[in-house]
Amino acid sequence: WVKINVDGFVSKNNTKEAIGGDVRNSDGEWLTGFNIVTGMDEIFKIEARAIVEGMKLAWLKGYK
């Protein structure tokens, strides 16, 4: 199995937002990761996009 860790970030002055995450195996070893600067949006949408992008990355790498 793999574990996907994700998070969203909003700058203090609300001018930039980003998401990122990593995929690790059952031993906790890093397999792959991502980071994306996104447009301004509600924090819930940013966090939800981070989850979707993490799952898409895992799927594309063959972790189903």
N, C-alpha and C. Protein backbone atom coordinates (compact mmCIF):
# COMPACT_ATOMS: atom_id res chain seq x y z
N TRP A 1 0.82 -1.18 0.00
CA TRP A 1 0.00 0.00 0.00
C TRP A 1 0.86 1.25 0.00
N VAL A 2 0.27 2.38 -0.32
CA VAL A 2 0.96 3.67 -0.27
C VAL A 2 0.13 4.64 0.56
N LYS A 3 0.81 5.65 1.07
CA LYS A 3 0.15 6.71 1.83
C LYS A 3 0.42 8.03 1.12
N ILE A 4 -0.62 8.83 0.97
CA ILE A 4 -0.49 10.14 0.32
C ILE A 4 -0.67 11.21 1.39
N ASN A 5 0.34 12.07 1.55
CA ASN A 5 0.27 13.22 2.47
C ASN A 5 0.19 14.48 1.63
N VAL A 6 -0.78 15.35 1.93
CA VAL A 6 -0.94 16.59 1.17
C VAL A 6 -1.18 17.75 2.12
N ASP A 7 -0.97 18.96 1.59
CA ASP A 7 -1.27 20.16 2.36
C ASP A 7 -1.44 21.33 1.40
N GLY A 8 -2.17 22.34 1.86
CA GLY A 8 -2.34 23.57 1.12
C GLY A 8 -1.70 24.72 1.89
N PHE A 9 -1.33 25.78 1.18
CA PHE A 9 -0.64 26.92 1.79
C PHE A 9 -1.22 28.21 1.22
N VAL A 10 -1.48 29.16 2.10
CA VAL A 10 -1.89 30.51 1.70
C VAL A 10 -0.91 31.48 2.34
N SER A 11 -0.34 32.39 1.52
CA SER A 11 0.62 33.35 2.06
C SER A 11 -0.07 34.31 3.03
N LYS A 12 0.72 34.90 3.91
CA LYS A 12 0.19 35.82 4.93
C LYS A 12 -0.60 36.97 4.33
N ASN A 13 -0.14 37.50 3.21
CA ASN A 13 -0.82 38.64 2.61
C ASN A 13 -1.84 38.22 1.54
N ASN A 14 -2.17 36.91 1.51
CA ASN A 14 -3.19 36.37 0.60
C ASN A 14 -2.90 36.67 -0.87
N THR A 15 -1.65 36.64 -1.27
CA THR A 15 -1.32 36.87 -2.68
C THR A 15 -0.92 35.59 -3.40
N LYS A 16 -0.56 34.54 -2.66
CA LYS A 16 -0.16 33.29 -3.30
C LYS A 16 -0.72 32.11 -2.53
N GLU A 17 -1.02 31.08 -3.29
CA GLU A 17 -1.46 29.82 -2.70
C GLU A 17 -0.73 28.70 -3.39
N ALA A 18 -0.50 27.62 -2.68
CA ALA A 18 0.19 26.47 -3.26
C ALA A 18 -0.31 25.20 -2.59
N ILE A 19 -0.11 24.09 -3.28
CA ILE A 19 -0.41 22.78 -2.72
C ILE A 19 0.79 21.89 -2.95
N GLY A 20 0.90 20.87 -2.16
CA GLY A 20 2.00 19.93 -2.31
C GLY A 20 1.72 18.65 -1.57
N GLY A 21 2.52 17.66 -1.85
CA GLY A 21 2.34 16.40 -1.16
C GLY A 21 3.38 15.38 -1.55
N ASP A 22 3.31 14.24 -0.89
CA ASP A 22 4.21 13.14 -1.22
C ASP A 22 3.48 11.82 -1.11
N VAL A 23 4.07 10.81 -1.77
CA VAL A 23 3.55 9.45 -1.73
C VAL A 23 4.66 8.60 -1.12
N ARG A 24 4.29 7.81 -0.10
CA ARG A 24 5.25 6.95 0.58
C ARG A 24 4.75 5.52 0.60
N ASN A 25 5.69 4.59 0.65
CA ASN A 25 5.29 3.17 0.69
C ASN A 25 5.02 2.73 2.12
N SER A 26 4.74 1.44 2.30
CA SER A 26 4.37 0.93 3.62
C SER A 26 5.51 0.99 4.64
N ASP A 27 6.75 1.19 4.17
CA ASP A 27 7.89 1.36 5.06
C ASP A 27 8.19 2.82 5.34
N GLY A 28 7.37 3.73 4.79
CA GLY A 28 7.58 5.16 4.99
C GLY A 28 8.60 5.78 4.06
N GLU A 29 9.06 5.02 3.07
CA GLU A 29 10.04 5.53 2.11
C GLU A 29 9.35 6.40 1.06
N TRP A 30 9.99 7.54 0.74
CA TRP A 30 9.45 8.47 -0.24
C TRP A 30 9.46 7.84 -1.62
N LEU A 31 8.34 7.92 -2.33
CA LEU A 31 8.25 7.39 -3.69
C LEU A 31 8.20 8.51 -4.72
N THR A 32 7.39 9.52 -4.49
CA THR A 32 7.26 10.64 -5.40
C THR A 32 6.56 11.78 -4.68
N GLY A 33 6.59 12.96 -5.28
CA GLY A 33 5.96 14.11 -4.67
C GLY A 33 5.58 15.15 -5.70
N PHE A 34 4.91 16.19 -5.24
CA PHE A 34 4.49 17.26 -6.15
C PHE A 34 4.35 18.57 -5.38
N ASN A 35 4.43 19.67 -6.13
CA ASN A 35 4.06 20.99 -5.60
C ASN A 35 3.56 21.83 -6.76
N ILE A 36 2.51 22.60 -6.51
CA ILE A 36 1.86 23.40 -7.54
C ILE A 36 1.46 24.74 -6.93
N VAL A 37 1.81 25.83 -7.60
CA VAL A 37 1.31 27.15 -7.21
C VAL A 37 -0.05 27.30 -7.88
N THR A 38 -1.07 27.61 -7.08
CA THR A 38 -2.43 27.69 -7.59
C THR A 38 -2.93 29.12 -7.56
N GLY A 39 -4.10 29.34 -8.14
CA GLY A 39 -4.73 30.64 -8.07
C GLY A 39 -5.43 30.82 -6.74
N MET A 40 -5.83 32.04 -6.46
CA MET A 40 -6.51 32.33 -5.20
C MET A 40 -7.88 31.66 -5.17
N ASP A 41 -8.22 31.09 -4.03
CA ASP A 41 -9.50 30.42 -3.86
C ASP A 41 -9.76 30.23 -2.37
N GLU A 42 -10.89 29.64 -2.02
CA GLU A 42 -11.20 29.34 -0.63
C GLU A 42 -10.29 28.22 -0.14
N ILE A 43 -9.91 28.25 1.13
CA ILE A 43 -8.98 27.27 1.67
C ILE A 43 -9.52 25.84 1.54
N PHE A 44 -10.83 25.65 1.70
CA PHE A 44 -11.40 24.31 1.54
C PHE A 44 -11.13 23.77 0.14
N LYS A 45 -11.31 24.62 -0.87
CA LYS A 45 -11.07 24.19 -2.26
C LYS A 45 -9.59 23.90 -2.49
N ILE A 46 -8.72 24.67 -1.87
CA ILE A 46 -7.28 24.44 -2.01
C ILE A 46 -6.92 23.08 -1.42
N GLU A 47 -7.41 22.80 -0.21
CA GLU A 47 -7.13 21.51 0.42
C GLU A 47 -7.72 20.35 -0.39
N ALA A 48 -8.93 20.53 -0.91
CA ALA A 48 -9.56 19.48 -1.72
C ALA A 48 -8.75 19.24 -2.99
N ARG A 49 -8.27 20.30 -3.62
CA ARG A 49 -7.46 20.12 -4.82
C ARG A 49 -6.17 19.39 -4.51
N ALA A 50 -5.58 19.65 -3.35
CA ALA A 50 -4.36 18.95 -2.95
C ALA A 50 -4.62 17.44 -2.87
N ILE A 51 -5.76 17.06 -2.32
CA ILE A 51 -6.12 15.64 -2.22
C ILE A 51 -6.27 15.04 -3.61
N VAL A 52 -7.00 15.73 -4.48
CA VAL A 52 -7.21 15.22 -5.84
C VAL A 52 -5.89 15.09 -6.59
N GLU A 53 -5.04 16.10 -6.52
CA GLU A 53 -3.76 16.05 -7.23
C GLU A 53 -2.87 14.93 -6.68
N GLY A 54 -2.89 14.71 -5.37
CA GLY A 54 -2.11 13.63 -4.78
C GLY A 54 -2.59 12.27 -5.26
N MET A 55 -3.90 12.10 -5.32
CA MET A 55 -4.45 10.83 -5.80
C MET A 55 -4.17 10.63 -7.29
N LYS A 56 -4.26 11.70 -8.08
CA LYS A 56 -3.95 11.59 -9.51
C LYS A 56 -2.50 11.18 -9.73
N LEU A 57 -1.59 11.79 -8.96
CA LEU A 57 -0.17 11.45 -9.08
C LEU A 57 0.07 9.99 -8.74
N ALA A 58 -0.50 9.54 -7.63
CA ALA A 58 -0.33 8.14 -7.24
C ALA A 58 -0.86 7.21 -8.34
N TRP A 59 -2.03 7.52 -8.89
CA TRP A 59 -2.62 6.70 -9.93
C TRP A 59 -1.71 6.67 -11.17
N LEU A 60 -1.21 7.85 -11.58
CA LEU A 60 -0.35 7.92 -12.76
C LEU A 60 0.95 7.14 -12.58
N LYS A 61 1.43 7.05 -11.35
CA LYS A 61 2.65 6.30 -11.06
C LYS A 61 2.39 4.81 -10.90
N GLY A 62 1.13 4.40 -11.03
CA GLY A 62 0.79 2.99 -10.98
C GLY A 62 0.39 2.46 -9.63
N TYR A 63 0.21 3.35 -8.63
CA TYR A 63 -0.21 2.93 -7.30
C TYR A 63 -1.73 3.01 -7.24
N LYS A 64 -2.38 1.85 -7.32
CA LYS A 64 -3.84 1.84 -7.38
C LYS A 64 -4.45 1.24 -6.15
